[in-house]
């Protein structure tokens, strides 16, 4: 299946991915949630299936990069700081 189809599946699986909680999570956590599934912080994320069987590591990173294009500059800077800690 193409990356475009998986992006659609990805977005429908996690309705809250663009929430403020997402921008307050480090890259490693976001990557882990996409790859292995789970809830992340219970008050921030919707349940999500694992995508490790459908997406390569590079595709997961591409999806996260795409999601970040929808964030404001302030949200991106905040998330960059979290990821560097």
N, C-alpha and C. Protein backbone atom coordinates (compact mmCIF):
# COMPACT_ATOMS: atom_id res chain seq x y z
N UNK A 1 0.86 -1.18 0.00
CA UNK A 1 0.00 0.00 0.00
C UNK A 1 0.90 1.24 0.00
N UNK A 2 0.50 2.25 -0.72
CA UNK A 2 1.33 3.45 -0.83
C UNK A 2 1.31 4.26 0.46
N UNK A 3 2.32 5.09 0.62
CA UNK A 3 2.41 5.95 1.81
C UNK A 3 1.19 6.85 1.91
N UNK A 4 0.65 7.29 0.78
CA UNK A 4 -0.52 8.17 0.81
C UNK A 4 -1.73 7.47 1.44
N UNK A 5 -1.92 6.21 1.10
CA UNK A 5 -3.04 5.47 1.69
C UNK A 5 -2.82 5.27 3.17
N UNK A 6 -1.57 5.01 3.56
CA UNK A 6 -1.30 4.81 4.98
C UNK A 6 -1.43 6.10 5.77
N UNK A 7 -1.14 7.22 5.15
CA UNK A 7 -1.35 8.50 5.83
C UNK A 7 -2.82 8.67 6.16
N UNK A 8 -3.70 8.30 5.23
CA UNK A 8 -5.14 8.39 5.47
C UNK A 8 -5.54 7.47 6.62
N UNK A 9 -5.05 6.23 6.59
CA UNK A 9 -5.34 5.28 7.67
C UNK A 9 -4.82 5.83 8.99
N UNK A 10 -3.62 6.36 8.94
CA UNK A 10 -2.99 6.92 10.14
C UNK A 10 -3.85 8.03 10.74
N UNK A 11 -4.27 8.97 9.91
CA UNK A 11 -5.07 10.08 10.41
C UNK A 11 -6.42 9.64 10.96
N UNK A 12 -7.04 8.67 10.33
CA UNK A 12 -8.33 8.21 10.84
C UNK A 12 -8.17 7.41 12.12
N UNK A 13 -6.99 6.85 12.35
CA UNK A 13 -6.75 6.07 13.56
C UNK A 13 -6.50 6.93 14.78
N UNK A 14 -5.95 8.10 14.59
CA UNK A 14 -5.61 8.95 15.73
C UNK A 14 -6.17 10.35 15.52
N UNK A 15 -7.38 10.51 15.90
CA UNK A 15 -8.09 11.77 15.69
C UNK A 15 -7.45 12.93 16.42
N UNK A 16 -6.73 12.67 17.48
CA UNK A 16 -6.15 13.74 18.27
C UNK A 16 -4.71 14.08 17.94
N UNK A 17 -4.17 13.61 16.83
CA UNK A 17 -2.75 13.80 16.55
C UNK A 17 -2.34 15.26 16.41
N UNK A 18 -3.26 16.12 16.04
CA UNK A 18 -2.92 17.53 15.88
C UNK A 18 -3.22 18.35 17.12
N UNK A 19 -3.57 17.68 18.20
CA UNK A 19 -3.93 18.38 19.43
C UNK A 19 -2.72 19.04 20.07
N UNK A 20 -2.98 19.90 21.01
CA UNK A 20 -1.91 20.56 21.75
C UNK A 20 -1.04 19.55 22.47
N UNK A 21 -1.62 18.44 22.93
CA UNK A 21 -0.83 17.41 23.63
C UNK A 21 0.24 16.83 22.72
N UNK A 22 -0.05 16.69 21.44
CA UNK A 22 0.93 16.14 20.51
C UNK A 22 2.14 17.03 20.42
N UNK A 23 1.93 18.33 20.39
CA UNK A 23 3.05 19.26 20.29
C UNK A 23 3.85 19.31 21.58
N UNK A 24 3.30 18.73 22.64
CA UNK A 24 3.99 18.70 23.93
C UNK A 24 4.63 17.34 24.18
N UNK A 25 4.83 16.56 23.12
CA UNK A 25 5.46 15.25 23.24
C UNK A 25 6.74 15.24 22.41
N UNK A 26 7.76 14.60 22.95
CA UNK A 26 9.04 14.49 22.25
C UNK A 26 8.91 13.60 21.02
N UNK A 27 9.81 13.82 20.06
CA UNK A 27 9.80 13.03 18.83
C UNK A 27 9.85 11.53 19.12
N UNK A 28 10.66 11.13 20.08
CA UNK A 28 10.80 9.70 20.38
C UNK A 28 9.47 9.09 20.80
N UNK A 29 8.69 9.81 21.59
CA UNK A 29 7.38 9.30 22.01
C UNK A 29 6.42 9.23 20.83
N UNK A 30 6.38 10.27 20.02
CA UNK A 30 5.49 10.26 18.85
C UNK A 30 5.85 9.11 17.91
N UNK A 31 7.13 8.91 17.67
CA UNK A 31 7.59 7.82 16.82
C UNK A 31 7.17 6.48 17.40
N UNK A 32 7.37 6.30 18.69
CA UNK A 32 7.04 5.03 19.36
C UNK A 32 5.53 4.75 19.27
N UNK A 33 4.72 5.77 19.43
CA UNK A 33 3.27 5.56 19.37
C UNK A 33 2.84 5.14 17.97
N UNK A 34 3.43 5.76 16.95
CA UNK A 34 3.09 5.37 15.57
C UNK A 34 3.59 3.96 15.29
N UNK A 35 4.81 3.67 15.69
CA UNK A 35 5.40 2.38 15.38
C UNK A 35 4.77 1.23 16.16
N UNK A 36 4.57 1.43 17.46
CA UNK A 36 4.14 0.33 18.34
C UNK A 36 2.70 0.42 18.81
N UNK A 37 2.04 1.52 18.48
CA UNK A 37 0.66 1.70 18.92
C UNK A 37 0.60 2.11 20.37
N UNK A 38 -0.60 2.24 20.86
CA UNK A 38 -0.78 2.58 22.26
C UNK A 38 -1.54 3.87 22.46
N UNK A 39 -1.52 4.31 23.69
CA UNK A 39 -2.30 5.48 24.04
C UNK A 39 -1.44 6.71 24.31
N UNK A 40 -0.15 6.54 24.53
CA UNK A 40 0.65 7.70 24.94
C UNK A 40 0.15 8.18 26.28
N UNK A 41 0.08 9.47 26.47
CA UNK A 41 -0.49 10.03 27.69
C UNK A 41 -2.00 9.85 27.62
N UNK A 42 -2.61 9.21 28.61
CA UNK A 42 -4.05 8.90 28.52
C UNK A 42 -4.94 10.11 28.28
N UNK A 43 -4.53 11.27 28.75
CA UNK A 43 -5.37 12.45 28.56
C UNK A 43 -5.11 13.16 27.24
N UNK A 44 -4.18 12.65 26.44
CA UNK A 44 -3.81 13.35 25.21
C UNK A 44 -4.07 12.58 23.93
N UNK A 45 -3.93 11.28 23.94
CA UNK A 45 -4.00 10.52 22.70
C UNK A 45 -5.19 9.56 22.67
N UNK A 46 -5.72 9.39 21.49
CA UNK A 46 -6.73 8.38 21.27
C UNK A 46 -6.02 7.04 21.07
N UNK A 47 -6.69 5.92 21.34
CA UNK A 47 -6.06 4.62 21.09
C UNK A 47 -5.60 4.52 19.63
N UNK A 48 -4.47 3.89 19.42
CA UNK A 48 -3.91 3.81 18.08
C UNK A 48 -3.30 2.45 17.84
N UNK A 49 -3.56 1.87 16.67
CA UNK A 49 -2.91 0.60 16.34
C UNK A 49 -1.45 0.83 15.99
N UNK A 50 -0.67 -0.23 16.05
CA UNK A 50 0.73 -0.16 15.64
C UNK A 50 0.82 -0.15 14.12
N UNK A 51 1.78 0.60 13.59
CA UNK A 51 1.98 0.67 12.14
C UNK A 51 3.35 0.13 11.73
N UNK A 52 4.03 -0.59 12.62
CA UNK A 52 5.37 -1.09 12.30
C UNK A 52 5.36 -2.12 11.17
N UNK A 53 4.25 -2.80 10.98
CA UNK A 53 4.15 -3.79 9.90
C UNK A 53 3.80 -3.14 8.56
N UNK A 54 3.24 -1.95 8.59
CA UNK A 54 2.80 -1.29 7.36
C UNK A 54 3.73 -0.19 6.88
N UNK A 55 4.43 0.46 7.81
CA UNK A 55 5.27 1.59 7.46
C UNK A 55 6.71 1.32 7.85
N UNK A 56 7.63 1.72 6.99
CA UNK A 56 9.05 1.64 7.32
C UNK A 56 9.38 2.77 8.30
N UNK A 57 10.56 2.70 8.88
CA UNK A 57 10.99 3.77 9.78
C UNK A 57 10.99 5.12 9.05
N UNK A 58 11.47 5.12 7.82
CA UNK A 58 11.50 6.36 7.04
C UNK A 58 10.10 6.89 6.77
N UNK A 59 9.15 6.01 6.52
CA UNK A 59 7.77 6.45 6.28
C UNK A 59 7.13 7.01 7.54
N UNK A 60 7.43 6.41 8.69
CA UNK A 60 6.92 6.94 9.96
C UNK A 60 7.46 8.34 10.18
N UNK A 61 8.75 8.53 9.95
CA UNK A 61 9.34 9.86 10.09
C UNK A 61 8.72 10.85 9.11
N UNK A 62 8.41 10.39 7.90
CA UNK A 62 7.76 11.26 6.90
C UNK A 62 6.37 11.68 7.35
N UNK A 63 5.63 10.75 7.94
CA UNK A 63 4.29 11.07 8.45
C UNK A 63 4.39 12.10 9.56
N UNK A 64 5.31 11.91 10.49
CA UNK A 64 5.48 12.87 11.57
C UNK A 64 5.90 14.24 11.04
N UNK A 65 6.78 14.26 10.05
CA UNK A 65 7.19 15.51 9.42
C UNK A 65 5.98 16.22 8.81
N UNK A 66 5.15 15.45 8.11
CA UNK A 66 3.95 16.02 7.49
C UNK A 66 3.01 16.62 8.54
N UNK A 67 2.81 15.91 9.62
CA UNK A 67 1.93 16.41 10.69
C UNK A 67 2.47 17.73 11.23
N UNK A 68 3.77 17.81 11.40
CA UNK A 68 4.38 19.02 11.95
C UNK A 68 4.21 20.23 11.04
N UNK A 69 3.98 20.01 9.76
CA UNK A 69 3.76 21.14 8.85
C UNK A 69 2.46 21.87 9.16
N UNK A 70 1.58 21.24 9.91
CA UNK A 70 0.30 21.85 10.27
C UNK A 70 0.36 22.59 11.60
N UNK A 71 1.50 22.51 12.27
CA UNK A 71 1.67 23.20 13.54
C UNK A 71 2.08 24.64 13.31
N UNK A 72 1.84 25.47 14.28
CA UNK A 72 2.32 26.85 14.22
C UNK A 72 3.82 26.85 14.52
N UNK A 73 4.49 27.96 14.20
CA UNK A 73 5.92 28.07 14.52
C UNK A 73 6.16 27.91 16.01
N UNK A 74 5.29 28.48 16.82
CA UNK A 74 5.41 28.37 18.27
C UNK A 74 5.32 26.92 18.72
N UNK A 75 4.36 26.18 18.17
CA UNK A 75 4.21 24.77 18.53
C UNK A 75 5.44 23.97 18.11
N UNK A 76 5.97 24.25 16.91
CA UNK A 76 7.16 23.55 16.45
C UNK A 76 8.35 23.81 17.37
N UNK A 77 8.54 25.06 17.75
CA UNK A 77 9.66 25.41 18.62
C UNK A 77 9.53 24.73 19.99
N UNK A 78 8.33 24.72 20.52
CA UNK A 78 8.09 24.06 21.80
C UNK A 78 8.42 22.57 21.71
N UNK A 79 7.99 21.94 20.64
CA UNK A 79 8.22 20.51 20.46
C UNK A 79 9.70 20.21 20.20
N UNK A 80 10.39 21.08 19.51
CA UNK A 80 11.83 20.91 19.28
C UNK A 80 12.58 20.95 20.62
N UNK A 81 12.19 21.88 21.48
CA UNK A 81 12.83 21.97 22.79
C UNK A 81 12.59 20.70 23.61
N UNK A 82 11.37 20.19 23.58
CA UNK A 82 11.06 18.95 24.30
C UNK A 82 11.89 17.79 23.77
N UNK A 83 12.03 17.71 22.46
CA UNK A 83 12.74 16.59 21.85
C UNK A 83 14.24 16.63 22.12
N UNK A 84 14.76 17.82 22.39
CA UNK A 84 16.20 17.95 22.62
C UNK A 84 16.60 17.67 24.07
N UNK A 85 15.64 17.49 24.94
CA UNK A 85 15.93 17.26 26.37
C UNK A 85 16.33 15.82 26.62
